[in-house]
Amino acid sequence: MSPKTAPLTAEQVRAEILAPVIAEQALIMEGERAARAAMEAAQAKRDEEMAAWRVTAAECHRLFHPEPPPPAPLEMQQHVGVLHRAVTARTKCEEWQNRLLAEHRGHIETAYRQALPELTDRTRKTPLGDADTVLDEWNGWLRLVKESRQAEERAGGRRLIHDAPTGRMRATITAADLLDAVKGADLLEPFPRAVEWIDGGPRNAFHQPLTNVPDGPDGLTRAQAAQRPGGVRGWL
C-alpha cells in the first residue's frame, strides 16, 4: 500500500495555480529594479560631475577665465519608459491572476476540503496558548478561498452584487474562532444576511412606519380620532 499523501497547503495551491503570474511579476520587479538602479547610478555620476564643474567654474571666475560648459543633462527617457511599461504590465498581471483564481475556484475549494480534516484534527490537539502554530494555515486558506470567490464574483466584468457572500466572510481567523472549528463550524462560510426587523406596526404608502396614529405614543387616542371627520380610518 502506498503511503498516504499529505494534503496541500494554501501556499502550495496558490503557487501551483499562479506559477506563470508569479514568474511574470518577478520579471517585472527585476526590470524595475534594474531601471531604478541605472537611474540612481546616472544621477550619482552627474552629481559628481556637477560638483567638480562648480569647483572649476569658481576658479575660472576668480582668474577671470571663461568657465567650461556644464555637464550634459541626464537622459532618463529609456529608464522612465521601462517604469511606465512595468505599471501597465503589473495591471495586466493582476487581471491575469484574478482570471486564474476564478477559473480554479473549484480546485481551490476541493484542496481546502481535502486539507480540512487533518488541519482540524491538528487544531484540536494544539493547546490554545500555541494557536499561532495553526492560525497561519487557517488564514492562508481563508485568503486564498476568499480571493478566488471574489475573482469569480467579478468575472467577465460583472459588478459586485449587493451584500456579496465574500463581503460576509471573516476578515481574519482568530484563536477564539478555532474553538468553533473543532466543533465542526466552517470558518470560511459567509455569515448569513442581516434581516431587517419589522415591527408590524402601521406603515404609509412608502412602507415607512407611522408615528402619529391612534393609540400611538404621540398620537390621538381612538376615542379622539373617532370624533374627527373620517373617524379612525381617516387616521390610518
Protein backbone atom coordinates (compact mmCIF):
# COMPACT_ATOMS: atom_id res chain seq x y z
CA MET A 1 0.00 0.00 0.00
CA SER A 2 1.41 3.40 -0.98
CA PRO A 3 1.87 5.93 1.83
CA LYS A 4 -0.88 8.49 2.22
CA THR A 5 -0.09 11.77 0.51
CA ALA A 6 -0.14 14.80 2.78
CA PRO A 7 -2.76 17.39 1.79
CA LEU A 8 -1.52 20.52 0.07
CA THR A 9 -1.26 23.80 1.94
CA ALA A 10 -2.89 27.00 0.73
CA GLU A 11 0.54 28.38 -0.19
CA GLN A 12 1.30 25.31 -2.33
CA VAL A 13 -2.05 25.55 -4.13
CA ARG A 14 -1.56 29.28 -4.74
CA ALA A 15 1.96 28.71 -6.09
CA GLU A 16 0.73 25.95 -8.39
CA ILE A 17 -2.15 27.96 -9.86
CA LEU A 18 -0.37 31.30 -10.11
CA ALA A 19 3.05 30.00 -11.23
CA PRO A 20 3.06 31.87 -14.58
CA VAL A 21 1.81 35.07 -12.95
CA ILE A 22 4.41 34.84 -10.19
CA ALA A 23 7.16 34.36 -12.80
CA GLU A 24 5.93 37.38 -14.79
CA GLN A 25 5.73 39.50 -11.63
CA ALA A 26 9.32 38.55 -10.77
CA LEU A 27 10.39 39.60 -14.28
CA ILE A 28 8.63 42.95 -13.88
CA MET A 29 10.21 43.54 -10.47
CA GLU A 30 13.69 42.75 -11.83
CA GLY A 31 13.17 45.14 -14.76
CA GLU A 32 12.02 47.87 -12.39
CA ARG A 33 14.94 47.25 -10.05
CA ALA A 34 17.46 47.46 -12.89
CA ALA A 35 15.89 50.64 -14.29
CA ARG A 36 15.86 52.37 -10.90
CA ALA A 37 19.44 51.27 -10.19
CA ALA A 38 20.58 52.66 -13.56
CA MET A 39 18.77 55.95 -12.86
CA GLU A 40 20.36 56.24 -9.42
CA ALA A 41 23.82 55.47 -10.82
CA ALA A 42 23.40 58.04 -13.60
CA GLN A 43 22.20 60.64 -11.11
CA ALA A 44 25.11 59.94 -8.75
CA LYS A 45 27.61 60.25 -11.63
CA ARG A 46 26.14 63.58 -12.74
CA ASP A 47 26.16 64.88 -9.16
CA GLU A 48 29.89 64.15 -9.02
CA GLU A 49 30.45 65.82 -12.38
CA MET A 50 28.45 68.87 -11.32
CA ALA A 51 30.41 69.15 -8.07
CA ALA A 52 33.71 69.05 -9.97
CA TRP A 53 32.43 71.55 -12.55
CA ARG A 54 31.40 74.03 -9.84
CA VAL A 55 34.91 73.93 -8.39
CA THR A 56 36.42 74.53 -11.84
CA ALA A 57 33.88 77.26 -12.65
CA ALA A 58 34.60 79.04 -9.36
CA GLU A 59 38.35 79.00 -10.09
CA CYS A 60 37.72 80.34 -13.60
CA HIS A 61 35.66 83.17 -12.16
CA ARG A 62 38.45 84.03 -9.72
CA LEU A 63 41.00 84.14 -12.52
CA PHE A 64 38.63 85.86 -14.96
CA HIS A 65 38.84 82.89 -17.33
CA PRO A 66 35.91 81.54 -19.31
CA GLU A 67 34.25 78.67 -17.48
CA PRO A 68 33.82 75.30 -19.22
CA PRO A 69 30.31 74.17 -20.24
CA PRO A 70 28.43 72.27 -17.52
CA PRO A 71 27.88 68.51 -17.80
CA ALA A 72 25.18 67.42 -20.23
CA PRO A 73 21.67 66.95 -18.78
CA LEU A 74 20.67 63.44 -17.79
CA GLU A 75 18.95 61.25 -20.38
CA MET A 76 16.45 59.17 -18.45
CA GLN A 77 13.72 58.61 -21.05
CA GLN A 78 14.61 54.97 -21.70
CA HIS A 79 14.56 54.12 -17.99
CA VAL A 80 11.34 56.06 -17.37
CA GLY A 81 9.82 54.14 -20.28
CA VAL A 82 10.66 50.86 -18.56
CA LEU A 83 8.91 52.02 -15.38
CA HIS A 84 5.80 53.06 -17.31
CA ARG A 85 5.67 49.68 -19.05
CA ALA A 86 6.05 47.98 -15.68
CA VAL A 87 2.94 49.77 -14.36
CA THR A 88 0.90 48.54 -17.34
CA ALA A 89 2.33 45.03 -17.05
CA ARG A 90 1.52 44.88 -13.33
CA THR A 91 -2.12 45.78 -14.04
CA LYS A 92 -2.31 43.02 -16.65
CA CYS A 93 -0.77 40.59 -14.17
CA GLU A 94 -3.43 41.47 -11.62
CA GLU A 95 -6.16 40.80 -14.21
CA TRP A 96 -4.44 37.55 -15.17
CA GLN A 97 -4.24 36.50 -11.54
CA ASN A 98 -7.93 37.21 -10.95
CA ARG A 99 -8.84 35.25 -14.05
CA LEU A 100 -6.82 32.21 -12.93
CA LEU A 101 -8.25 32.36 -9.41
CA ALA A 102 -11.81 32.49 -10.79
CA GLU A 103 -11.15 29.61 -13.21
CA HIS A 104 -9.60 27.45 -10.49
CA ARG A 105 -12.07 28.18 -7.72
CA GLY A 106 -13.36 24.60 -7.79
CA HIS A 107 -9.82 23.21 -7.49
CA ILE A 108 -9.07 25.59 -4.60
CA GLU A 109 -12.25 24.67 -2.72
CA THR A 110 -11.53 20.96 -3.24
CA ALA A 111 -7.98 21.32 -1.95
CA TYR A 112 -9.31 23.16 1.11
CA ARG A 113 -11.85 20.40 1.82
CA GLN A 114 -9.12 17.77 1.50
CA ALA A 115 -6.86 19.66 3.91
CA LEU A 116 -9.64 20.47 6.38
CA PRO A 117 -9.87 17.13 8.32
CA GLU A 118 -6.13 16.98 9.04
CA LEU A 119 -5.95 20.70 9.88
CA THR A 120 -8.98 20.45 12.18
CA ASP A 121 -7.55 17.39 13.94
CA ARG A 122 -4.20 19.13 14.42
CA THR A 123 -6.01 22.21 15.73
CA ARG A 124 -7.93 20.06 18.23
CA LYS A 125 -4.63 18.69 19.57
CA THR A 126 -2.97 22.12 19.77
CA PRO A 127 -3.12 23.93 23.14
CA LEU A 128 -4.91 27.26 22.93
CA GLY A 129 -1.74 29.02 24.02
CA ASP A 130 0.04 27.65 20.93
CA ALA A 131 -2.75 28.54 18.49
CA ASP A 132 -0.38 30.67 16.41
CA THR A 133 1.17 27.46 15.06
CA VAL A 134 -2.03 26.68 13.11
CA LEU A 135 -3.56 30.15 12.71
CA ASP A 136 -1.31 30.98 9.77
CA GLU A 137 -2.57 27.89 7.92
CA TRP A 138 -6.21 28.74 8.61
CA ASN A 139 -5.76 32.31 7.47
CA GLY A 140 -3.84 31.15 4.40
CA TRP A 141 -6.88 29.13 3.31
CA LEU A 142 -9.20 32.00 4.19
CA ARG A 143 -7.26 34.44 1.97
CA LEU A 144 -6.97 32.03 -0.95
CA VAL A 145 -10.59 30.86 -0.94
CA LYS A 146 -11.89 34.40 -0.41
CA GLU A 147 -9.76 35.75 -3.27
CA SER A 148 -10.98 33.03 -5.64
CA ARG A 149 -14.61 33.66 -4.73
CA GLN A 150 -14.17 37.41 -5.16
CA ALA A 151 -12.50 36.85 -8.52
CA GLU A 152 -15.44 34.71 -9.64
CA GLU A 153 -17.87 37.41 -8.49
CA ARG A 154 -16.02 39.93 -10.70
CA ALA A 155 -15.51 37.55 -13.64
CA GLY A 156 -16.49 38.90 -17.05
CA GLY A 157 -16.54 42.49 -15.83
CA ARG A 158 -19.58 41.88 -13.64
CA ARG A 159 -20.23 44.35 -10.87
CA LEU A 160 -20.19 43.01 -7.34
CA ILE A 161 -23.67 42.20 -6.16
CA HIS A 162 -25.07 43.99 -3.14
CA ASP A 163 -24.24 42.13 0.05
CA ALA A 164 -22.00 39.67 -1.82
CA PRO A 165 -21.17 36.43 0.04
CA THR A 166 -17.46 37.29 0.21
CA GLY A 167 -18.37 40.54 1.96
CA ARG A 168 -19.86 38.44 4.76
CA MET A 169 -16.81 36.21 5.20
CA ARG A 170 -14.43 36.68 8.10
CA ALA A 171 -11.71 39.27 7.61
CA THR A 172 -9.37 37.07 9.63
CA ILE A 173 -9.48 33.92 11.75
CA THR A 174 -8.61 34.35 15.41
CA ALA A 175 -7.74 31.89 18.16
CA ALA A 176 -11.30 32.19 19.50
CA ASP A 177 -12.66 31.05 16.12
CA LEU A 178 -10.67 27.83 16.37
CA LEU A 179 -12.94 26.66 19.20
CA ASP A 180 -15.82 26.75 16.70
CA ALA A 181 -13.71 25.00 14.06
CA VAL A 182 -13.00 21.96 16.24
CA LYS A 183 -16.76 21.74 16.90
CA GLY A 184 -17.39 21.44 13.16
CA ALA A 185 -18.08 25.04 12.15
CA ASP A 186 -16.92 26.07 8.67
CA LEU A 187 -14.80 29.17 9.27
CA LEU A 188 -14.85 30.01 5.56
CA GLU A 189 -18.64 30.00 5.29
CA PRO A 190 -20.16 33.50 4.84
CA PHE A 191 -22.23 34.83 7.70
CA PRO A 192 -26.00 34.96 6.98
CA ARG A 193 -27.52 38.11 5.56
CA ALA A 194 -28.74 40.63 8.11
CA VAL A 195 -32.55 40.65 8.34
CA GLU A 196 -34.24 43.99 8.89
CA TRP A 197 -36.50 43.95 11.92
CA ILE A 198 -40.11 44.64 11.07
CA ASP A 199 -42.29 45.66 13.99
CA GLY A 200 -45.58 45.01 12.21
CA GLY A 201 -46.92 48.48 13.04
CA PRO A 202 -48.90 50.67 10.62
CA ARG A 203 -46.93 51.99 7.62
CA ASN A 204 -47.63 54.55 4.91
CA ALA A 205 -47.64 54.03 1.13
CA PHE A 206 -43.85 54.13 1.15
CA HIS A 207 -43.68 51.35 3.78
CA GLN A 208 -42.40 53.82 6.36
CA PRO A 209 -43.59 53.49 9.98
CA LEU A 210 -46.34 55.87 11.07
CA THR A 211 -45.92 57.59 14.42
CA ASN A 212 -48.91 59.95 14.62
CA VAL A 213 -51.51 57.18 14.77
CA PRO A 214 -54.41 56.43 17.10
CA ASP A 215 -53.24 54.98 20.38
CA GLY A 216 -49.66 55.71 19.29
CA PRO A 217 -47.09 57.12 21.70
CA ASP A 218 -47.55 60.68 20.35
CA GLY A 219 -50.89 60.45 18.51
CA LEU A 220 -54.57 60.65 19.28
CA THR A 221 -56.47 58.04 21.16
CA ARG A 222 -59.04 56.07 19.21
CA ALA A 223 -61.81 57.90 21.03
CA GLN A 224 -60.38 61.28 19.96
CA ALA A 225 -59.81 60.09 16.39
CA ALA A 226 -63.43 58.86 16.18
CA GLN A 227 -64.65 62.45 16.75
CA ARG A 228 -62.63 63.72 13.71
CA PRO A 229 -64.00 63.71 10.10
CA GLY A 230 -63.50 60.27 8.65
CA GLY A 231 -63.21 58.66 12.07
CA VAL A 232 -60.42 56.28 12.92
CA ARG A 233 -59.98 55.15 9.30
CA GLY A 234 -59.05 58.66 8.26
CA TRP A 235 -56.00 58.50 10.53
CA LEU A 236 -54.67 55.08 9.46
